[in-house]
Amino acid sequence: MNLPRVAPLGAPVLALGADQRNTVCAWHGTHWQLSPELGDLHTLAARARHTEWVHQSLQWMARETDAPLQCVAHDAHPDFFSTQHAAQLAATRAVRTLAVQHHHAHIAAVCAEWGLTGPVLGLALDGFGLGSDGEPWGGELLRVAGAQGGRLGHLRRIPLVGGDRATQEPWRLAAAVLHALGQTPAIEKRLGAKPHARAVADLLAKPQRWPQTSSLGRLFDAAAVLLGLGEHTTPGAALALSRAAAQHGPAEPWPQTWRIDAQGELDWRGIMAALLQEPDVGLAAARFEATWAHALADWAIAAGAAQGLRQVVFAGGCLANPTLARDLPARVAHHGLDVFQARDLPCGDAAIALGQVWVAQAFLRDNPTPCA
């Protein structure tokens, strides 16, 4: 895919994307070339496709320009295959690499698609991305200006008991939500059919150090489990929730069920408490999604006013949810802000490489020395 861009000439840059739904993106001059979706890089087949597209992208740049490759951009997660491939490629080509934080890249991808060059307020909503503090992020309020990205706020965090197992066993996320609501004794009652429910409840009751995630995707997974919507792994749980909401139809949000503190943290405990009190599963799913659209909009509107930013960008895989994709931007636009989200490109990780290229180009324009 070639995406023409009216902008100053850019140096040749290659970006190797993220781990899931991987794509590769090349930029030279005023054009991008974005690969099709290559798959999840934990599989050998996807790694082979990724490697081939890197080769094809380098050939494309060599045909189109005499300028040498300047930078290889990649995700900030050190264990991703794409990150390791970027290091190998940069060493072979004697160029530098640039690590781009995952959610910064999400917002930058939308900026690239719309040609936004000034500071924007970004709301990045997904399942996982390594944060600058080493924790798993996924519900982030950011200020993004080209190569600069700073965190303004995040969703209240929950522990991932068992680490990565929590994404494969979303009932662990449901247990963490119950614990956050002060209902730790209810974990075994609600989730007792799970073989380790009691052990997880005991672990949550003890002061242990688990990874803490701010992910909206993980909260949607937990909500699906709490509503009894099947034994799904990520992202199946959130899809089951979305289907239940769609089958019910539009519903009113639960009022006054979220709080935003002075540090920019959105506390969702009231939303989850309301979910547990709604006996109708379809209505609960629909009101849950509607409430999140209102809560996130209020969060963005308040931050935009505090930061003096009128352009608001929404990105991340959670924007595949029809309610969020429709109602969240509409509510923010109704308050007079300019809203942007993915138009022709995916909202999720398949656009990450484009965001990485955009950040790398901004970095090179701001810094005459190579990427570091």
Protein backbone atom coordinates (compact mmCIF):
# COMPACT_ATOMS: atom_id res chain seq x y z
CA MET A 1 0.00 0.00 0.00
CA ASN A 2 1.37 3.40 -0.98
CA LEU A 3 0.07 6.41 0.94
CA PRO A 4 1.06 9.71 -0.67
CA ARG A 5 1.93 12.39 1.83
CA VAL A 6 2.36 16.12 1.23
CA ALA A 7 5.29 16.83 3.52
CA PRO A 8 8.97 17.75 3.46
CA LEU A 9 11.13 15.03 1.98
CA GLY A 10 11.80 12.30 4.50
CA ALA A 11 14.93 10.21 4.88
CA PRO A 12 14.69 6.47 4.09
CA VAL A 13 13.34 4.77 7.21
CA LEU A 14 12.13 1.22 7.82
CA ALA A 15 9.82 0.19 10.67
CA LEU A 16 9.30 -3.43 11.68
CA GLY A 17 6.04 -3.14 13.61
CA ALA A 18 4.83 -4.96 16.70
CA ASP A 19 4.47 -8.62 17.60
CA GLN A 20 0.81 -9.27 16.86
CA ARG A 21 -0.86 -8.47 13.55
CA ASN A 22 2.58 -7.47 12.33
CA THR A 23 3.19 -5.20 9.38
CA VAL A 24 6.33 -3.63 7.95
CA CYS A 25 6.45 -0.01 6.77
CA ALA A 26 9.03 1.82 4.65
CA TRP A 27 9.27 5.54 3.94
CA HIS A 28 11.38 7.45 1.50
CA GLY A 29 10.80 10.88 0.07
CA THR A 30 7.09 11.62 0.39
CA HIS A 31 5.74 8.07 0.20
CA TRP A 32 5.07 5.19 2.56
CA GLN A 33 4.82 1.56 1.66
CA LEU A 34 2.90 -0.52 4.19
CA SER A 35 2.83 -4.30 3.94
CA PRO A 36 -0.33 -6.36 4.31
CA GLU A 37 -0.93 -7.89 7.71
CA LEU A 38 1.68 -10.62 8.18
CA GLY A 39 0.34 -12.38 11.28
CA ASP A 40 1.49 -12.87 14.85
CA LEU A 41 5.26 -13.22 15.11
CA HIS A 42 5.20 -16.03 17.62
CA THR A 43 4.61 -18.34 14.62
CA LEU A 44 7.36 -19.42 12.24
CA ALA A 45 5.16 -18.77 9.20
CA ALA A 46 4.55 -15.15 10.22
CA ARG A 47 8.25 -14.64 10.93
CA ALA A 48 9.07 -15.89 7.43
CA ARG A 49 6.53 -13.48 5.88
CA HIS A 50 7.88 -10.65 8.01
CA THR A 51 11.46 -11.34 6.93
CA GLU A 52 10.44 -11.47 3.26
CA TRP A 53 8.59 -8.18 3.48
CA VAL A 54 11.57 -6.52 5.12
CA HIS A 55 13.64 -7.68 2.15
CA GLN A 56 11.04 -6.42 -0.34
CA SER A 57 10.79 -3.07 1.44
CA LEU A 58 14.55 -2.56 1.26
CA GLN A 59 14.47 -3.39 -2.45
CA TRP A 60 11.63 -0.91 -2.98
CA MET A 61 13.58 1.88 -1.26
CA ALA A 62 16.71 1.02 -3.26
CA ARG A 63 14.77 1.32 -6.53
CA GLU A 64 13.11 4.58 -5.57
CA THR A 65 15.99 6.54 -4.03
CA ASP A 66 19.75 6.71 -3.99
CA ALA A 67 19.77 7.84 -0.36
CA PRO A 68 20.86 5.16 2.11
CA LEU A 69 18.69 3.78 4.87
CA GLN A 70 18.91 6.08 7.89
CA CYS A 71 17.07 4.32 10.67
CA VAL A 72 15.25 1.12 11.63
CA ALA A 73 12.34 1.74 13.99
CA HIS A 74 10.75 -0.90 16.19
CA ASP A 75 8.59 -1.50 19.26
CA ALA A 76 10.11 -0.83 22.67
CA HIS A 77 9.51 -4.40 23.86
CA PRO A 78 12.95 -6.10 23.87
CA ASP A 79 11.59 -9.63 23.49
CA PHE A 80 9.59 -9.11 20.30
CA PHE A 81 10.95 -10.88 17.24
CA SER A 82 10.57 -7.62 15.30
CA THR A 83 12.72 -5.79 17.86
CA GLN A 84 15.45 -8.40 17.63
CA HIS A 85 15.24 -8.41 13.83
CA ALA A 86 15.60 -4.62 13.85
CA ALA A 87 18.81 -4.88 15.87
CA GLN A 88 20.24 -7.48 13.49
CA LEU A 89 19.28 -5.47 10.41
CA ALA A 90 20.68 -2.24 11.79
CA ALA A 91 23.97 -3.93 12.64
CA THR A 92 24.22 -5.37 9.13
CA ARG A 93 23.45 -2.03 7.50
CA ALA A 94 25.50 0.02 9.98
CA VAL A 95 22.53 2.26 10.85
CA ARG A 96 20.91 3.14 14.13
CA THR A 97 17.65 1.90 15.62
CA LEU A 98 14.86 3.81 17.30
CA ALA A 99 12.59 2.17 19.90
CA VAL A 100 9.07 3.63 19.80
CA GLN A 101 6.74 3.06 22.73
CA HIS A 102 3.74 1.01 21.60
CA HIS A 103 0.96 3.47 22.41
CA HIS A 104 2.93 6.43 21.12
CA ALA A 105 3.08 4.53 17.82
CA HIS A 106 -0.69 3.88 17.90
CA ILE A 107 -1.41 7.61 18.14
CA ALA A 108 1.31 8.44 15.61
CA ALA A 109 -0.25 6.08 13.04
CA VAL A 110 -3.46 8.12 13.07
CA CYS A 111 -1.42 11.33 12.95
CA ALA A 112 0.34 9.94 9.86
CA GLU A 113 -2.91 9.02 8.15
CA TRP A 114 -4.39 12.48 8.72
CA GLY A 115 -1.16 14.47 8.38
CA LEU A 116 -1.26 15.87 11.91
CA THR A 117 2.05 17.49 12.79
CA GLY A 118 1.25 19.52 15.89
CA PRO A 119 0.73 18.37 19.47
CA VAL A 120 -2.33 16.16 19.92
CA LEU A 121 -4.11 14.56 22.83
CA GLY A 122 -4.03 10.80 22.28
CA LEU A 123 -6.25 8.15 23.81
CA ALA A 124 -4.66 4.72 23.19
CA LEU A 125 -6.91 1.80 24.10
CA ASP A 126 -5.84 -1.79 23.56
CA GLY A 127 -4.89 -5.05 25.20
CA PHE A 128 -1.16 -4.74 25.71
CA GLY A 129 1.88 -2.63 25.02
CA LEU A 130 5.03 -2.28 27.09
CA GLY A 131 5.00 1.03 28.89
CA SER A 132 7.93 3.33 29.55
CA ASP A 133 7.80 2.21 33.19
CA GLY A 134 8.18 -1.46 32.23
CA GLU A 135 4.54 -2.28 33.06
CA PRO A 136 1.88 -3.49 30.60
CA TRP A 137 -0.17 -0.51 29.40
CA GLY A 138 -3.41 -0.39 27.44
CA GLY A 139 -5.61 2.48 28.66
CA GLU A 140 -3.46 5.57 28.14
CA LEU A 141 -3.94 9.29 27.85
CA LEU A 142 -0.94 10.77 26.02
CA ARG A 143 0.37 14.05 24.73
CA VAL A 144 2.04 13.34 21.39
CA ALA A 145 4.06 15.82 19.34
CA GLY A 146 6.03 14.04 16.63
CA ALA A 147 8.88 12.14 18.28
CA GLN A 148 7.81 13.27 21.74
CA GLY A 149 5.18 11.33 23.65
CA GLY A 150 4.30 11.75 27.32
CA ARG A 151 1.77 10.00 29.55
CA LEU A 152 -0.90 12.27 31.02
CA GLY A 153 -3.00 9.59 32.67
CA HIS A 154 -4.07 5.97 32.65
CA LEU A 155 -6.83 3.65 33.76
CA ARG A 156 -6.72 2.31 37.29
CA ARG A 157 -4.46 -0.75 37.20
CA ILE A 158 -5.19 -4.34 38.16
CA PRO A 159 -2.69 -7.12 38.88
CA LEU A 160 -2.06 -9.83 36.30
CA VAL A 161 -1.97 -12.84 38.60
CA GLY A 162 0.11 -15.43 36.80
CA GLY A 163 1.53 -12.87 34.38
CA ASP A 164 0.82 -13.73 30.75
CA ARG A 165 -1.48 -16.57 31.83
CA ALA A 166 -4.09 -13.95 32.68
CA THR A 167 -4.52 -13.12 28.99
CA GLN A 168 -5.11 -16.78 28.22
CA GLU A 169 -7.32 -17.31 31.27
CA PRO A 170 -9.43 -14.12 31.57
CA TRP A 171 -11.16 -15.40 34.72
CA ARG A 172 -7.96 -14.33 36.49
CA LEU A 173 -8.72 -10.77 35.36
CA ALA A 174 -12.26 -11.13 36.70
CA ALA A 175 -10.79 -12.22 40.02
CA ALA A 176 -8.54 -9.14 40.06
CA VAL A 177 -11.56 -6.91 39.43
CA LEU A 178 -13.49 -8.49 42.29
CA HIS A 179 -10.48 -7.95 44.52
CA ALA A 180 -10.32 -4.29 43.46
CA LEU A 181 -13.99 -3.94 44.43
CA GLY A 182 -13.26 -5.30 47.91
CA GLN A 183 -15.01 -8.57 47.07
CA THR A 184 -12.10 -10.99 47.39
CA PRO A 185 -14.25 -13.55 49.30
CA ALA A 186 -16.64 -13.62 46.31
CA ILE A 187 -13.92 -14.87 43.94
CA GLU A 188 -14.29 -18.50 44.93
CA LYS A 189 -18.08 -18.23 44.92
CA ARG A 190 -18.23 -16.74 41.42
CA LEU A 191 -15.25 -18.50 39.88
CA GLY A 192 -15.02 -21.63 42.00
CA ALA A 193 -15.32 -23.91 38.99
CA LYS A 194 -11.85 -22.81 37.95
CA PRO A 195 -9.20 -25.19 39.30
CA HIS A 196 -7.04 -22.43 40.79
CA ALA A 197 -9.71 -19.89 41.80
CA ARG A 198 -9.07 -20.27 45.52
CA ALA A 199 -5.31 -20.04 45.03
CA VAL A 200 -5.68 -16.86 42.96
CA ALA A 201 -7.96 -15.36 45.63
CA ASP A 202 -5.34 -16.15 48.28
CA LEU A 203 -2.59 -14.60 46.14
CA LEU A 204 -4.59 -11.42 45.60
CA ALA A 205 -5.13 -11.12 49.35
CA LYS A 206 -1.38 -11.13 49.96
CA PRO A 207 0.99 -8.23 49.22
CA GLN A 208 2.77 -9.83 46.28
CA ARG A 209 4.36 -8.07 43.31
CA TRP A 210 2.45 -8.88 40.14
CA PRO A 211 2.59 -6.98 36.85
CA GLN A 212 0.03 -4.18 36.96
CA THR A 213 -1.91 -3.48 33.78
CA SER A 214 -3.86 -0.36 32.86
CA SER A 215 -5.39 -2.10 29.83
CA LEU A 216 -8.96 -1.39 28.74
CA GLY A 217 -8.91 -4.62 26.73
CA ARG A 218 -8.23 -6.64 29.86
CA LEU A 219 -11.13 -4.93 31.66
CA PHE A 220 -13.46 -5.85 28.81
CA ASP A 221 -12.22 -9.44 29.09
CA ALA A 222 -12.97 -9.41 32.81
CA ALA A 223 -16.46 -8.01 32.23
CA ALA A 224 -17.24 -10.80 29.76
CA VAL A 225 -16.25 -13.43 32.32
CA LEU A 226 -18.26 -11.77 35.09
CA LEU A 227 -21.33 -11.82 32.82
CA GLY A 228 -20.82 -15.51 32.08
CA LEU A 229 -20.27 -14.99 28.36
CA GLY A 230 -18.27 -18.15 27.72
CA GLU A 231 -14.80 -19.55 28.24
CA HIS A 232 -12.89 -17.34 25.86
CA THR A 233 -9.28 -16.29 25.72
CA THR A 234 -8.23 -12.85 24.59
CA PRO A 235 -9.66 -11.37 22.34
CA GLY A 236 -12.61 -13.78 22.29
CA ALA A 237 -13.97 -12.59 25.64
CA ALA A 238 -14.28 -8.98 24.51
CA LEU A 239 -15.87 -10.10 21.23
CA ALA A 240 -18.47 -12.09 23.17
CA LEU A 241 -19.23 -8.97 25.21
CA SER A 242 -19.59 -6.89 22.05
CA ARG A 243 -21.96 -9.43 20.49
CA ALA A 244 -24.15 -9.48 23.59
CA ALA A 245 -24.33 -5.67 23.58
CA ALA A 246 -25.17 -5.59 19.86
CA GLN A 247 -27.93 -8.15 20.27
CA HIS A 248 -29.49 -6.06 23.03
CA GLY A 249 -29.18 -2.74 21.23
CA PRO A 250 -28.43 0.78 22.51
CA ALA A 251 -28.69 1.43 26.24
CA GLU A 252 -28.14 4.30 28.63
CA PRO A 253 -24.88 4.52 30.59
CA TRP A 254 -24.73 4.05 34.32
CA PRO A 255 -24.42 7.61 35.63
CA GLN A 256 -21.72 8.75 38.02
CA THR A 257 -19.90 5.42 38.04
CA TRP A 258 -16.39 6.67 37.24
CA ARG A 259 -13.98 9.16 38.75
CA ILE A 260 -10.94 11.00 37.40
CA ASP A 261 -8.38 12.07 39.98
CA ALA A 262 -5.92 14.94 39.94
CA GLN A 263 -3.18 12.70 38.52
CA GLY A 264 -5.30 11.80 35.49
CA GLU A 265 -6.20 8.28 36.62
CA LEU A 266 -9.65 7.06 35.58
CA ASP A 267 -11.15 4.90 38.32
CA TRP A 268 -13.54 2.33 36.79
CA ARG A 269 -14.57 0.51 39.97
CA GLY A 270 -18.05 2.03 39.94
CA ILE A 271 -18.59 0.78 36.39
CA MET A 272 -17.67 -2.77 37.36
CA ALA A 273 -19.81 -2.61 40.49
CA ALA A 274 -22.81 -1.56 38.39
CA LEU A 275 -22.11 -4.42 35.99
CA LEU A 276 -22.33 -6.95 38.81
CA GLN A 277 -25.69 -5.57 39.93
CA GLU A 278 -27.41 -5.82 36.52
CA PRO A 279 -29.24 -9.17 36.19
CA ASP A 280 -29.92 -8.93 32.43
CA VAL A 281 -26.73 -9.95 30.61
CA GLY A 282 -27.52 -8.22 27.33
CA LEU A 283 -28.53 -4.99 29.05
CA ALA A 284 -25.45 -5.16 31.28
CA ALA A 285 -23.16 -5.55 28.25
CA ALA A 286 -24.84 -2.67 26.41
CA ARG A 287 -24.77 -0.34 29.41
CA PHE A 288 -21.16 -1.31 30.14
CA GLU A 289 -20.03 -0.25 26.65
CA ALA A 290 -22.14 2.91 26.70
CA THR A 291 -20.73 3.88 30.09
CA TRP A 292 -17.17 3.43 28.90
CA ALA A 293 -17.84 5.65 25.89
CA HIS A 294 -19.05 8.41 28.23
CA ALA A 295 -16.29 7.92 30.79
CA LEU A 296 -13.49 7.98 28.23
CA ALA A 297 -15.01 11.02 26.53
CA ASP A 298 -15.14 12.92 29.82
CA TRP A 299 -11.52 11.91 30.44
CA ALA A 300 -10.40 13.24 27.04
CA ILE A 301 -12.46 16.43 27.29
CA ALA A 302 -11.03 17.29 30.72
CA ALA A 303 -7.46 16.56 29.61
CA GLY A 304 -7.88 18.56 26.42
CA ALA A 305 -8.99 21.57 28.43
CA ALA A 306 -6.16 21.16 30.94
CA GLN A 307 -3.51 20.79 28.23
CA GLY A 308 -4.91 23.38 25.83
CA LEU A 309 -5.18 20.78 23.06
CA ARG A 310 -8.08 20.77 20.59
CA GLN A 311 -7.02 17.84 18.40
CA VAL A 312 -7.88 14.48 19.96
CA VAL A 313 -6.71 11.18 18.46
CA PHE A 314 -8.24 7.79 19.26
CA ALA A 315 -6.33 4.60 18.45
CA GLY A 316 -5.77 1.01 19.53
CA GLY A 317 -7.51 -2.31 19.07
CA CYS A 318 -10.36 -1.47 21.47
CA LEU A 319 -11.61 0.98 18.83
CA ALA A 320 -12.73 -2.09 16.88
CA ASN A 321 -15.62 -2.14 19.35
CA PRO A 322 -18.53 -0.57 17.43
CA THR A 323 -19.92 1.33 20.43
CA LEU A 324 -16.59 2.91 21.33
CA ALA A 325 -15.71 3.67 17.70
CA ARG A 326 -19.03 5.45 17.19
CA ASP A 327 -19.97 7.06 20.50
CA LEU A 328 -16.60 8.07 21.95
CA PRO A 329 -15.48 10.38 19.09
CA ALA A 330 -19.02 11.72 18.66
CA ARG A 331 -19.28 12.73 22.30
CA VAL A 332 -15.88 14.44 22.26
CA ALA A 333 -16.65 16.23 18.97
CA HIS A 334 -19.94 17.43 20.45
CA HIS A 335 -17.85 19.39 22.97
CA GLY A 336 -16.14 21.28 20.16
CA LEU A 337 -12.90 19.31 19.88
CA ASP A 338 -11.45 18.03 16.60
CA VAL A 339 -11.39 14.24 16.66
CA PHE A 340 -9.40 11.80 14.55
CA GLN A 341 -9.32 8.01 14.34
CA ALA A 342 -8.21 5.42 11.79
CA ARG A 343 -9.96 5.98 8.47
CA ASP A 344 -8.48 3.70 5.79
CA LEU A 345 -6.07 1.80 8.03
CA PRO A 346 -6.72 -0.56 10.96
CA CYS A 347 -7.14 0.90 14.43
CA GLY A 348 -5.01 -1.85 16.02
CA ASP A 349 -1.50 -3.25 15.82
CA ALA A 350 -1.50 -3.64 12.03
CA ALA A 351 -0.91 0.13 11.82
CA ILE A 352 1.86 0.24 14.44
CA ALA A 353 4.65 0.15 11.82
CA LEU A 354 3.25 3.27 10.18
CA GLY A 355 3.27 5.05 13.53
CA GLN A 356 6.86 3.96 14.12
CA VAL A 357 7.91 5.41 10.75
CA TRP A 358 6.13 8.68 11.54
CA VAL A 359 7.92 9.00 14.87
CA ALA A 360 11.28 8.12 13.32
CA GLN A 361 10.85 10.77 10.61
CA ALA A 362 9.98 13.38 13.21
CA PHE A 363 13.02 12.35 15.25
CA LEU A 364 15.32 12.69 12.23
CA ARG A 365 13.89 16.11 11.38
CA ASP A 366 14.42 17.31 14.95
CA ASN A 367 17.85 15.74 15.35
CA PRO A 368 20.44 16.07 12.59
CA THR A 369 22.42 13.19 14.07
CA PRO A 370 21.26 9.59 13.47
CA CYS A 371 18.71 7.83 15.66
CA ALA A 372 20.04 6.67 19.02
